[in-house]
Each structure stands twice: as C-alpha cells, then as structure tokens.
Amino acid sequence: MSDHIIIYLIVALNTSCQLMLIWRQKFPAGTRNRYSLCAVGIPLFLMLSMRLLIAGGMIHGRVADQSQLEHFVTTVTSMLLVAGPWFVTVAAVVNKRRQRTIAHMLAAG
C-alpha cells in the first residue's frame, strides 16, 4: 500500500472517531452539524492545499529535497491533519460545558 493511502486512512479513521465523539454530544439544531463539518473540513482543506502546493511546484514532494521552510510547512500541516479534528472535538465539549454552566447559573439566579 502506498504511504499516501496509509496516511489518508489514518486521517480518515481519526476524523471518524472524532465525529462519533461530537455526535454523542447533545446540541441544539445545527450546532452538531457545524462541528462535524469543521472536523471533516480541516483535514480535507489541508490535504487539498498540500496536494496543490506539491503539484504547483511550490513544495517538493520528497521530504529529503525540501528546504527548511518547506519542511516546517509540511511538519505543521502533518500535525494539523491529526490535531485538527481533535481541536474541534475539544471545542465542542468545552462549548457544551459552558452552555450547561450558563443554564445552571440562570436557573439558580
């Protein structure tokens, strides 16, 4: 199997796990879809942008041929491929807790 396919498989499995965690949260209508769209959209945008940068010749496809700046961009993008859906899930959980706290404060006060 090609390395690209394995990377895409790992990103897809990570994203699907994060989507399951997001869908377990009880949100008002539309909010769950917004978080899900962000969790899927971040990796898709990053993969597409890196593919376009490589196809356009702005970044070398092989890591050994990359300059320091190109390597830094590749490293940050790789981290965000995995961490992007995690950030969205954390934001969803924090938002849910914040809403619950506000509801309790309004009910008590």
PDB file of N, CA and C in Angstrom:
ATOM      1  N   MET A   1       0.843  -1.181   0.000  1.00  0.00           N
ATOM      2  CA  MET A   1       0.000   0.000   0.000  1.00  0.00           C
ATOM      3  C   MET A   1       0.887   1.242   0.000  1.00  0.00           C
ATOM      4  N   SER A   2       0.495   2.240  -0.739  1.00  0.00           N
ATOM      5  CA  SER A   2       1.256   3.476  -0.823  1.00  0.00           C
ATOM      6  C   SER A   2       1.206   4.225   0.507  1.00  0.00           C
ATOM      7  N   ASP A   3       2.276   4.956   0.800  1.00  0.00           N
ATOM      8  CA  ASP A   3       2.319   5.734   2.038  1.00  0.00           C
ATOM      9  C   ASP A   3       1.206   6.768   2.086  1.00  0.00           C
ATOM     10  N   HIS A   4       0.873   7.349   0.931  1.00  0.00           N
ATOM     11  CA  HIS A   4      -0.182   8.364   0.889  1.00  0.00           C
ATOM     12  C   HIS A   4      -1.521   7.763   1.304  1.00  0.00           C
ATOM     13  N   ILE A   5      -1.787   6.564   0.829  1.00  0.00           N
ATOM     14  CA  ILE A   5      -3.053   5.901   1.149  1.00  0.00           C
ATOM     15  C   ILE A   5      -3.117   5.585   2.639  1.00  0.00           C
ATOM     16  N   ILE A   6      -2.017   5.153   3.210  1.00  0.00           N
ATOM     17  CA  ILE A   6      -1.995   4.841   4.645  1.00  0.00           C
ATOM     18  C   ILE A   6      -2.213   6.107   5.468  1.00  0.00           C
ATOM     19  N   ILE A   7      -1.577   7.197   5.071  1.00  0.00           N
ATOM     20  CA  ILE A   7      -1.759   8.460   5.790  1.00  0.00           C
ATOM     21  C   ILE A   7      -3.218   8.902   5.706  1.00  0.00           C
ATOM     22  N   TYR A   8      -3.805   8.825   4.506  1.00  0.00           N
ATOM     23  CA  TYR A   8      -5.205   9.211   4.345  1.00  0.00           C
ATOM     24  C   TYR A   8      -6.117   8.310   5.157  1.00  0.00           C
ATOM     25  N   LEU A   9      -5.789   7.029   5.257  1.00  0.00           N
ATOM     26  CA  LEU A   9      -6.586   6.094   6.062  1.00  0.00           C
ATOM     27  C   LEU A   9      -6.515   6.461   7.540  1.00  0.00           C
ATOM     28  N   ILE A  10      -5.324   6.787   8.019  1.00  0.00           N
ATOM     29  CA  ILE A  10      -5.164   7.184   9.425  1.00  0.00           C
ATOM     30  C   ILE A  10      -5.953   8.460   9.707  1.00  0.00           C
ATOM     31  N   VAL A  11      -5.860   9.443   8.814  1.00  0.00           N
ATOM     32  CA  VAL A  11      -6.596  10.693   8.994  1.00  0.00           C
ATOM     33  C   VAL A  11      -8.101  10.438   8.965  1.00  0.00           C
ATOM     34  N   ALA A  12      -8.551   9.579   8.060  1.00  0.00           N
ATOM     35  CA  ALA A  12      -9.985   9.269   7.970  1.00  0.00           C
ATOM     36  C   ALA A  12     -10.482   8.556   9.225  1.00  0.00           C
ATOM     37  N   LEU A  13      -9.710   7.621   9.752  1.00  0.00           N
ATOM     38  CA  LEU A  13     -10.113   6.925  10.980  1.00  0.00           C
ATOM     39  C   LEU A  13     -10.128   7.875  12.174  1.00  0.00           C
ATOM     40  N   ASN A  14      -9.134   8.750  12.266  1.00  0.00           N
ATOM     41  CA  ASN A  14      -9.101   9.740  13.339  1.00  0.00           C
ATOM     42  C   ASN A  14     -10.311  10.663  13.254  1.00  0.00           C
ATOM     43  N   THR A  15     -10.609  11.124  12.054  1.00  0.00           N
ATOM     44  CA  THR A  15     -11.751  12.016  11.870  1.00  0.00           C
ATOM     45  C   THR A  15     -13.060  11.318  12.210  1.00  0.00           C
ATOM     46  N   SER A  16     -13.196  10.058  11.815  1.00  0.00           N
ATOM     47  CA  SER A  16     -14.440   9.336  12.127  1.00  0.00           C
ATOM     48  C   SER A  16     -14.600   9.126  13.629  1.00  0.00           C
ATOM     49  N   CYS A  17     -13.507   8.875  14.327  1.00  0.00           N
ATOM     50  CA  CYS A  17     -13.590   8.751  15.794  1.00  0.00           C
ATOM     51  C   CYS A  17     -14.015  10.072  16.427  1.00  0.00           C
ATOM     52  N   GLN A  18     -13.464  11.175  15.933  1.00  0.00           N
ATOM     53  CA  GLN A  18     -13.840  12.476  16.475  1.00  0.00           C
ATOM     54  C   GLN A  18     -15.287  12.812  16.148  1.00  0.00           C
ATOM     55  N   LEU A  19     -15.752  12.418  14.971  1.00  0.00           N
ATOM     56  CA  LEU A  19     -17.160  12.637  14.617  1.00  0.00           C
ATOM     57  C   LEU A  19     -18.088  11.866  15.545  1.00  0.00           C
ATOM     58  N   MET A  20     -17.693  10.648  15.908  1.00  0.00           N
ATOM     59  CA  MET A  20     -18.514   9.881  16.854  1.00  0.00           C
ATOM     60  C   MET A  20     -18.596  10.588  18.200  1.00  0.00           C
ATOM     61  N   LEU A  21     -17.479  11.146  18.651  1.00  0.00           N
ATOM     62  CA  LEU A  21     -17.492  11.870  19.922  1.00  0.00           C
ATOM     63  C   LEU A  21     -18.343  13.133  19.835  1.00  0.00           C
ATOM     64  N   ILE A  22     -18.281  13.824  18.719  1.00  0.00           N
ATOM     65  CA  ILE A  22     -19.090  15.035  18.543  1.00  0.00           C
ATOM     66  C   ILE A  22     -20.570  14.677  18.502  1.00  0.00           C
ATOM     67  N   TRP A  23     -20.931  13.605  17.794  1.00  0.00           N
ATOM     68  CA  TRP A  23     -22.335  13.241  17.656  1.00  0.00           C
ATOM     69  C   TRP A  23     -22.928  12.705  18.952  1.00  0.00           C
ATOM     70  N   ARG A  24     -22.083  12.326  19.915  1.00  0.00           N
ATOM     71  CA  ARG A  24     -22.612  11.890  21.211  1.00  0.00           C
ATOM     72  C   ARG A  24     -23.063  13.064  22.070  1.00  0.00           C
ATOM     73  N   GLN A  25     -22.571  14.253  21.754  1.00  0.00           N
ATOM     74  CA  GLN A  25     -22.969  15.449  22.493  1.00  0.00           C
ATOM     75  C   GLN A  25     -24.369  15.870  22.066  1.00  0.00           C
ATOM     76  N   LYS A  26     -25.136  16.364  23.012  1.00  0.00           N
ATOM     77  CA  LYS A  26     -26.483  16.853  22.699  1.00  0.00           C
ATOM     78  C   LYS A  26     -26.418  18.372  22.524  1.00  0.00           C
ATOM     79  N   PHE A  27     -26.562  18.820  21.280  1.00  0.00           N
ATOM     80  CA  PHE A  27     -26.507  20.227  20.944  1.00  0.00           C
ATOM     81  C   PHE A  27     -27.833  20.669  20.359  1.00  0.00           C
ATOM     82  N   PRO A  28     -28.089  21.985  20.347  1.00  0.00           N
ATOM     83  CA  PRO A  28     -29.247  22.494  19.608  1.00  0.00           C
ATOM     84  C   PRO A  28     -29.100  22.192  18.110  1.00  0.00           C
ATOM     85  N   ALA A  29     -30.202  22.330  17.402  1.00  0.00           N
ATOM     86  CA  ALA A  29     -30.212  22.009  15.969  1.00  0.00           C
ATOM     87  C   ALA A  29     -29.164  22.826  15.219  1.00  0.00           C
ATOM     88  N   GLY A  30     -28.416  22.172  14.366  1.00  0.00           N
ATOM     89  CA  GLY A  30     -27.426  22.840  13.534  1.00  0.00           C
ATOM     90  C   GLY A  30     -26.043  22.925  14.140  1.00  0.00           C
ATOM     91  N   THR A  31     -25.941  22.947  15.449  1.00  0.00           N
ATOM     92  CA  THR A  31     -24.629  23.090  16.081  1.00  0.00           C
ATOM     93  C   THR A  31     -23.787  21.843  15.866  1.00  0.00           C
ATOM     94  N   ARG A  32     -24.396  20.688  16.008  1.00  0.00           N
ATOM     95  CA  ARG A  32     -23.676  19.430  15.819  1.00  0.00           C
ATOM     96  C   ARG A  32     -23.165  19.325  14.380  1.00  0.00           C
ATOM     97  N   ASN A  33     -23.991  19.749  13.437  1.00  0.00           N
ATOM     98  CA  ASN A  33     -23.575  19.705  12.030  1.00  0.00           C
ATOM     99  C   ASN A  33     -22.412  20.657  11.765  1.00  0.00           C
ATOM    100  N   ARG A  34     -22.421  21.811  12.415  1.00  0.00           N
ATOM    101  CA  ARG A  34     -21.341  22.784  12.243  1.00  0.00           C
ATOM    102  C   ARG A  34     -20.013  22.218  12.744  1.00  0.00           C
ATOM    103  N   TYR A  35     -20.033  21.597  13.929  1.00  0.00           N
ATOM    104  CA  TYR A  35     -18.808  20.979  14.453  1.00  0.00           C
ATOM    105  C   TYR A  35     -18.361  19.819  13.573  1.00  0.00           C
ATOM    106  N   SER A  36     -19.292  19.031  13.089  1.00  0.00           N
ATOM    107  CA  SER A  36     -18.941  17.906  12.216  1.00  0.00           C
ATOM    108  C   SER A  36     -18.324  18.397  10.917  1.00  0.00           C
ATOM    109  N   LEU A  37     -18.889  19.442  10.361  1.00  0.00           N
ATOM    110  CA  LEU A  37     -18.355  19.999   9.125  1.00  0.00           C
ATOM    111  C   LEU A  37     -16.932  20.524   9.330  1.00  0.00           C
ATOM    112  N   CYS A  38     -16.692  21.150  10.457  1.00  0.00           N
ATOM    113  CA  CYS A  38     -15.335  21.639  10.757  1.00  0.00           C
ATOM    114  C   CYS A  38     -14.365  20.475  10.949  1.00  0.00           C
ATOM    115  N   ALA A  39     -14.805  19.416  11.643  1.00  0.00           N
ATOM    116  CA  ALA A  39     -13.928  18.271  11.896  1.00  0.00           C
ATOM    117  C   ALA A  39     -13.555  17.561  10.600  1.00  0.00           C
ATOM    118  N   VAL A  40     -14.443  17.555   9.628  1.00  0.00           N
ATOM    119  CA  VAL A  40     -14.150  16.934   8.339  1.00  0.00           C
ATOM    120  C   VAL A  40     -13.440  17.926   7.417  1.00  0.00           C
ATOM    121  N   GLY A  41     -13.821  19.177   7.488  1.00  0.00           N
ATOM    122  CA  GLY A  41     -13.301  20.183   6.572  1.00  0.00           C
ATOM    123  C   GLY A  41     -11.839  20.530   6.787  1.00  0.00           C
ATOM    124  N   ILE A  42     -11.387  20.538   8.028  1.00  0.00           N
ATOM    125  CA  ILE A  42      -9.991  20.906   8.304  1.00  0.00           C
ATOM    126  C   ILE A  42      -9.022  19.936   7.627  1.00  0.00           C
ATOM    127  N   PRO A  43      -9.155  18.615   7.846  1.00  0.00           N
ATOM    128  CA  PRO A  43      -8.223  17.706   7.156  1.00  0.00           C
ATOM    129  C   PRO A  43      -8.364  17.740   5.634  1.00  0.00           C
ATOM    130  N   LEU A  44      -9.597  17.859   5.136  1.00  0.00           N
ATOM    131  CA  LEU A  44      -9.779  17.918   3.685  1.00  0.00           C
ATOM    132  C   LEU A  44      -9.102  19.149   3.089  1.00  0.00           C
ATOM    133  N   PHE A  45      -9.268  20.296   3.748  1.00  0.00           N
ATOM    134  CA  PHE A  45      -8.630  21.519   3.278  1.00  0.00           C
ATOM    135  C   PHE A  45      -7.109  21.388   3.301  1.00  0.00           C
ATOM    136  N   LEU A  46      -6.564  20.820   4.375  1.00  0.00           N
ATOM    137  CA  LEU A  46      -5.114  20.679   4.486  1.00  0.00           C
ATOM    138  C   LEU A  46      -4.561  19.712   3.440  1.00  0.00           C
ATOM    139  N   MET A  47      -5.254  18.592   3.238  1.00  0.00           N
ATOM    140  CA  MET A  47      -4.785  17.637   2.237  1.00  0.00           C
ATOM    141  C   MET A  47      -4.822  18.250   0.840  1.00  0.00           C
ATOM    142  N   LEU A  48      -5.906  18.934   0.531  1.00  0.00           N
ATOM    143  CA  LEU A  48      -6.040  19.552  -0.781  1.00  0.00           C
ATOM    144  C   LEU A  48      -5.000  20.651  -0.993  1.00  0.00           C
ATOM    145  N   SER A  49      -4.793  21.479   0.025  1.00  0.00           N
ATOM    146  CA  SER A  49      -3.826  22.567  -0.130  1.00  0.00           C
ATOM    147  C   SER A  49      -2.406  22.027  -0.288  1.00  0.00           C
ATOM    148  N   MET A  50      -2.046  20.972   0.453  1.00  0.00           N
ATOM    149  CA  MET A  50      -0.703  20.403   0.301  1.00  0.00           C
ATOM    150  C   MET A  50      -0.541  19.765  -1.072  1.00  0.00           C
ATOM    151  N   ARG A  51      -1.558  19.090  -1.549  1.00  0.00           N
ATOM    152  CA  ARG A  51      -1.506  18.488  -2.884  1.00  0.00           C
ATOM    153  C   ARG A  51      -1.340  19.564  -3.948  1.00  0.00           C
ATOM    154  N   LEU A  52      -2.048  20.673  -3.787  1.00  0.00           N
ATOM    155  CA  LEU A  52      -1.925  21.769  -4.750  1.00  0.00           C
ATOM    156  C   LEU A  52      -0.548  22.424  -4.683  1.00  0.00           C
ATOM    157  N   LEU A  53       0.002  22.569  -3.471  1.00  0.00           N
ATOM    158  CA  LEU A  53       1.345  23.139  -3.341  1.00  0.00           C
ATOM    159  C   LEU A  53       2.385  22.229  -3.984  1.00  0.00           C
ATOM    160  N   ILE A  54       2.241  20.929  -3.820  1.00  0.00           N
ATOM    161  CA  ILE A  54       3.183  19.986  -4.428  1.00  0.00           C
ATOM    162  C   ILE A  54       3.011  19.971  -5.939  1.00  0.00           C
ATOM    163  N   ALA A  55       1.755  19.931  -6.406  1.00  0.00           N
ATOM    164  CA  ALA A  55       1.504  19.908  -7.847  1.00  0.00           C
ATOM    165  C   ALA A  55       1.955  21.199  -8.514  1.00  0.00           C
ATOM    166  N   GLY A  56       1.856  22.298  -7.802  1.00  0.00           N
ATOM    167  CA  GLY A  56       2.281  23.592  -8.345  1.00  0.00           C
ATOM    168  C   GLY A  56       3.782  23.802  -8.285  1.00  0.00           C
ATOM    169  N   GLY A  57       4.501  22.907  -7.646  1.00  0.00           N
ATOM    170  CA  GLY A  57       5.952  23.016  -7.555  1.00  0.00           C
ATOM    171  C   GLY A  57       6.436  23.944  -6.469  1.00  0.00           C
ATOM    172  N   MET A  58       5.548  24.390  -5.602  1.00  0.00           N
ATOM    173  CA  MET A  58       5.960  25.298  -4.527  1.00  0.00           C
ATOM    174  C   MET A  58       6.643  24.546  -3.387  1.00  0.00           C
ATOM    175  N   ILE A  59       6.290  23.268  -3.224  1.00  0.00           N
ATOM    176  CA  ILE A  59       6.901  22.416  -2.202  1.00  0.00           C
ATOM    177  C   ILE A  59       7.295  21.110  -2.880  1.00  0.00           C
ATOM    178  N   HIS A  60       8.481  20.613  -2.565  1.00  0.00           N
ATOM    179  CA  HIS A  60       8.915  19.329  -3.118  1.00  0.00           C
ATOM    180  C   HIS A  60       8.110  18.200  -2.488  1.00  0.00           C
ATOM    181  N   GLY A  61       7.826  17.195  -3.279  1.00  0.00           N
ATOM    182  CA  GLY A  61       7.067  16.047  -2.798  1.00  0.00           C
ATOM    183  C   GLY A  61       7.873  15.152  -1.877  1.00  0.00           C
ATOM    184  N   ARG A  62       9.175  15.114  -2.079  1.00  0.00           N
ATOM    185  CA  ARG A  62      10.041  14.285  -1.224  1.00  0.00           C
ATOM    186  C   ARG A  62      10.597  15.132  -0.096  1.00  0.00           C
ATOM    187  N   VAL A  63      10.516  14.620   1.120  1.00  0.00           N
ATOM    188  CA  VAL A  63      10.982  15.365   2.294  1.00  0.00           C
ATOM    189  C   VAL A  63      12.482  15.615   2.205  1.00  0.00           C
ATOM    190  N   ALA A  64      13.232  14.691   1.638  1.00  0.00           N
ATOM    191  CA  ALA A  64      14.688  14.845   1.549  1.00  0.00           C
ATOM    192  C   ALA A  64      15.081  16.027   0.667  1.00  0.00           C
ATOM    193  N   ASP A  65      14.227  16.406  -0.275  1.00  0.00           N
ATOM    194  CA  ASP A  65      14.531  17.516  -1.185  1.00  0.00           C
ATOM    195  C   ASP A  65      14.008  18.860  -0.696  1.00  0.00           C
ATOM    196  N   GLN A  66      13.342  18.888   0.441  1.00  0.00           N
ATOM    197  CA  GLN A  66      12.704  20.112   0.909  1.00  0.00           C
ATOM    198  C   GLN A  66      13.692  21.027   1.632  1.00  0.00           C
ATOM    199  N   SER A  67      13.438  22.339   1.508  1.00  0.00           N
ATOM    200  CA  SER A  67      14.210  23.315   2.272  1.00  0.00           C
ATOM    201  C   SER A  67      13.668  23.339   3.710  1.00  0.00           C
ATOM    202  N   GLN A  68      14.296  24.132   4.562  1.00  0.00           N
ATOM    203  CA  GLN A  68      13.838  24.195   5.951  1.00  0.00           C
ATOM    204  C   GLN A  68      12.422  24.735   6.048  1.00  0.00           C
ATOM    205  N   LEU A  69      12.112  25.759   5.277  1.00  0.00           N
ATOM    206  CA  LEU A  69      10.775  26.336   5.307  1.00  0.00           C
ATOM    207  C   LEU A  69       9.739  25.335   4.799  1.00  0.00           C
ATOM    208  N   GLU A  70      10.059  24.651   3.705  1.00  0.00           N
ATOM    209  CA  GLU A  70       9.147  23.641   3.170  1.00  0.00           C
ATOM    210  C   GLU A  70       8.936  22.506   4.166  1.00  0.00           C
ATOM    211  N   HIS A  71      10.001  22.106   4.814  1.00  0.00           N
ATOM    212  CA  HIS A  71       9.894  21.038   5.819  1.00  0.00           C
ATOM    213  C   HIS A  71       9.048  21.500   6.996  1.00  0.00           C
ATOM    214  N   PHE A  72       9.205  22.753   7.410  1.00  0.00           N
ATOM    215  CA  PHE A  72       8.405  23.284   8.511  1.00  0.00           C
ATOM    216  C   PHE A  72       6.926  23.300   8.140  1.00  0.00           C
ATOM    217  N   VAL A  73       6.613  23.761   6.930  1.00  0.00           N
ATOM    218  CA  VAL A  73       5.218  23.785   6.469  1.00  0.00           C
ATOM    219  C   VAL A  73       4.654  22.371   6.423  1.00  0.00           C
ATOM    220  N   THR A  74       5.430  21.425   5.923  1.00  0.00           N
ATOM    221  CA  THR A  74       4.990  20.034   5.857  1.00  0.00           C
ATOM    222  C   THR A  74       4.755  19.464   7.252  1.00  0.00           C
ATOM    223  N   THR A  75       5.638  19.768   8.196  1.00  0.00           N
ATOM    224  CA  THR A  75       5.501  19.264   9.564  1.00  0.00           C
ATOM    225  C   THR A  75       4.268  19.842  10.249  1.00  0.00           C
ATOM    226  N   VAL A  76       4.061  21.140  10.122  1.00  0.00           N
ATOM    227  CA  VAL A  76       2.895  21.776  10.742  1.00  0.00           C
ATOM    228  C   VAL A  76       1.601  21.238  10.131  1.00  0.00           C
ATOM    229  N   THR A  77       1.589  21.077   8.827  1.00  0.00           N
ATOM    230  CA  THR A  77       0.406  20.540   8.159  1.00  0.00           C
ATOM    231  C   THR A  77       0.135  19.112   8.607  1.00  0.00           C
ATOM    232  N   SER A  78       1.176  18.317   8.759  1.00  0.00           N
ATOM    233  CA  SER A  78       1.007  16.937   9.219  1.00  0.00           C
ATOM    234  C   SER A  78       0.426  16.886  10.628  1.00  0.00           C
ATOM    235  N   MET A  79       0.910  17.769  11.480  1.00  0.00           N
ATOM    236  CA  MET A  79       0.373  17.811  12.842  1.00  0.00           C
ATOM    237  C   MET A  79      -1.091  18.240  12.838  1.00  0.00           C
ATOM    238  N   LEU A  80      -1.423  19.216  12.016  1.00  0.00           N
ATOM    239  CA  LEU A  80      -2.802  19.694  11.966  1.00  0.00           C
ATOM    240  C   LEU A  80      -3.754  18.685  11.327  1.00  0.00           C
ATOM    241  N   LEU A  81      -3.243  17.817  10.466  1.00  0.00           N
ATOM    242  CA  LEU A  81      -4.080  16.771   9.893  1.00  0.00           C
ATOM    243  C   LEU A  81      -4.666  15.882  10.980  1.00  0.00           C
ATOM    244  N   VAL A  82      -3.853  15.577  11.970  1.00  0.00           N
ATOM    245  CA  VAL A  82      -4.315  14.734  13.065  1.00  0.00           C
ATOM    246  C   VAL A  82      -4.960  15.568  14.155  1.00  0.00           C
ATOM    247  N   ALA A  83      -4.382  16.715  14.465  1.00  0.00           N
ATOM    248  CA  ALA A  83      -4.859  17.509  15.591  1.00  0.00           C
ATOM    249  C   ALA A  83      -6.097  18.346  15.277  1.00  0.00           C
ATOM    250  N   GLY A  84      -6.340  18.659  14.022  1.00  0.00           N
ATOM    251  CA  GLY A  84      -7.483  19.491  13.652  1.00  0.00           C
ATOM    252  C   GLY A  84      -8.817  18.961  14.160  1.00  0.00           C
ATOM    253  N   PRO A  85      -9.155  17.695  13.858  1.00  0.00           N
ATOM    254  CA  PRO A  85     -10.405  17.151  14.394  1.00  0.00           C
ATOM    255  C   PRO A  85     -10.427  17.075  15.920  1.00  0.00           C
ATOM    256  N   TRP A  86      -9.268  16.867  16.530  1.00  0.00           N
ATOM    257  CA  TRP A  86      -9.207  16.861  17.994  1.00  0.00           C
ATOM    258  C   TRP A  86      -9.543  18.246  18.545  1.00  0.00           C
ATOM    259  N   PHE A  87      -9.010  19.294  17.925  1.00  0.00           N
ATOM    260  CA  PHE A  87      -9.312  20.655  18.368  1.00  0.00           C
ATOM    261  C   PHE A  87     -10.797  20.951  18.266  1.00  0.00           C
ATOM    262  N   VAL A  88     -11.426  20.481  17.199  1.00  0.00           N
ATOM    263  CA  VAL A  88     -12.859  20.702  17.024  1.00  0.00           C
ATOM    264  C   VAL A  88     -13.644  19.952  18.101  1.00  0.00           C
ATOM    265  N   THR A  89     -13.230  18.729  18.407  1.00  0.00           N
ATOM    266  CA  THR A  89     -13.911  17.950  19.451  1.00  0.00           C
ATOM    267  C   THR A  89     -13.765  18.618  20.809  1.00  0.00           C
ATOM    268  N   VAL A  90     -12.572  19.097  21.116  1.00  0.00           N
ATOM    269  CA  VAL A  90     -12.358  19.796  22.388  1.00  0.00           C
ATOM    270  C   VAL A  90     -13.212  21.056  22.443  1.00  0.00           C
ATOM    271  N   ALA A  91     -13.284  21.788  21.345  1.00  0.00           N
ATOM    272  CA  ALA A  91     -14.120  22.990  21.306  1.00  0.00           C
ATOM    273  C   ALA A  91     -15.591  22.635  21.517  1.00  0.00           C
ATOM    274  N   ALA A  92     -16.046  21.529  20.950  1.00  0.00           N
ATOM    275  CA  ALA A  92     -17.441  21.111  21.125  1.00  0.00           C
ATOM    276  C   ALA A  92     -17.732  20.758  22.578  1.00  0.00           C
ATOM    277  N   VAL A  93     -16.817  20.031  23.215  1.00  0.00           N
ATOM    278  CA  VAL A  93     -17.018  19.643  24.619  1.00  0.00           C
ATOM    279  C   VAL A  93     -16.977  20.864  25.532  1.00  0.00           C
ATOM    280  N   VAL A  94     -16.031  21.763  25.294  1.00  0.00           N
ATOM    281  CA  VAL A  94     -15.935  22.981  26.106  1.00  0.00           C
ATOM    282  C   VAL A  94     -17.181  23.845  25.927  1.00  0.00           C
ATOM    283  N   ASN A  95     -17.661  23.955  24.705  1.00  0.00           N
ATOM    284  CA  ASN A  95     -18.866  24.731  24.446  1.00  0.00           C
ATOM    285  C   ASN A  95     -20.075  24.109  25.152  1.00  0.00           C
ATOM    286  N   LYS A  96     -20.164  22.798  25.127  1.00  0.00           N
ATOM    287  CA  LYS A  96     -21.279  22.119  25.794  1.00  0.00           C
ATOM    288  C   LYS A  96     -21.231  22.369  27.303  1.00  0.00           C
ATOM    289  N   ARG A  97     -20.051  22.275  27.885  1.00  0.00           N
ATOM    290  CA  ARG A  97     -19.919  22.531  29.333  1.00  0.00           C
ATOM    291  C   ARG A  97     -20.233  23.984  29.662  1.00  0.00           C
ATOM    292  N   ARG A  98     -19.804  24.892  28.796  1.00  0.00           N
ATOM    293  CA  ARG A  98     -20.089  26.306  29.020  1.00  0.00           C
ATOM    294  C   ARG A  98     -21.588  26.563  28.976  1.00  0.00           C
ATOM    295  N   GLN A  99     -22.277  25.963  28.019  1.00  0.00           N
ATOM    296  CA  GLN A  99     -23.724  26.125  27.929  1.00  0.00           C
ATOM    297  C   GLN A  99     -24.427  25.556  29.159  1.00  0.00           C
ATOM    298  N   ARG A 100     -23.946  24.414  29.637  1.00  0.00           N
ATOM    299  CA  ARG A 100     -24.534  23.794  30.819  1.00  0.00           C
ATOM    300  C   ARG A 100     -24.322  24.669  32.046  1.00  0.00           C
ATOM    301  N   THR A 101     -23.131  25.267  32.175  1.00  0.00           N
ATOM    302  CA  THR A 101     -22.841  26.139  33.302  1.00  0.00           C
ATOM    303  C   THR A 101     -23.719  27.390  33.259  1.00  0.00           C
ATOM    304  N   ILE A 102     -23.883  27.956  32.085  1.00  0.00           N
ATOM    305  CA  ILE A 102     -24.731  29.137  31.938  1.00  0.00           C
ATOM    306  C   ILE A 102     -26.180  28.799  32.284  1.00  0.00           C
ATOM    307  N   ALA A 103     -26.639  27.642  31.851  1.00  0.00           N
ATOM    308  CA  ALA A 103     -28.017  27.230  32.151  1.00  0.00           C
ATOM    309  C   ALA A 103     -28.212  27.050  33.648  1.00  0.00           C
ATOM    310  N   HIS A 104     -27.246  26.469  34.344  1.00  0.00           N
ATOM    311  CA  HIS A 104     -27.332  26.294  35.789  1.00  0.00           C
ATOM    312  C   HIS A 104     -27.310  27.644  36.517  1.00  0.00           C
ATOM    313  N   MET A 105     -26.482  28.571  36.018  1.00  0.00           N
ATOM    314  CA  MET A 105     -26.411  29.882  36.645  1.00  0.00           C
ATOM    315  C   MET A 105     -27.721  30.651  36.467  1.00  0.00           C
ATOM    316  N   LEU A 106     -28.310  30.550  35.294  1.00  0.00           N
ATOM    317  CA  LEU A 106     -29.580  31.224  35.051  1.00  0.00           C
ATOM    318  C   LEU A 106     -30.714  30.609  35.871  1.00  0.00           C
ATOM    319  N   ALA A 107     -30.672  29.287  36.045  1.00  0.00           N
ATOM    320  CA  ALA A 107     -31.704  28.612  36.810  1.00  0.00           C
ATOM    321  C   ALA A 107     -31.586  28.929  38.319  1.00  0.00           C
ATOM    322  N   ALA A 108     -30.340  29.077  38.777  1.00  0.00           N
ATOM    323  CA  ALA A 108     -30.126  29.360  40.201  1.00  0.00           C
ATOM    324  C   ALA A 108     -30.359  30.825  40.539  1.00  0.00           C
ATOM    325  N   GLY A 109     -30.148  31.686  39.590  1.00  0.00           N
ATOM    326  CA  GLY A 109     -30.180  33.119  39.876  1.00  0.00           C
ATOM    327  C   GLY A 109     -31.459  33.740  39.507  1.00  0.00           C
TER     328      GLY A 109
END
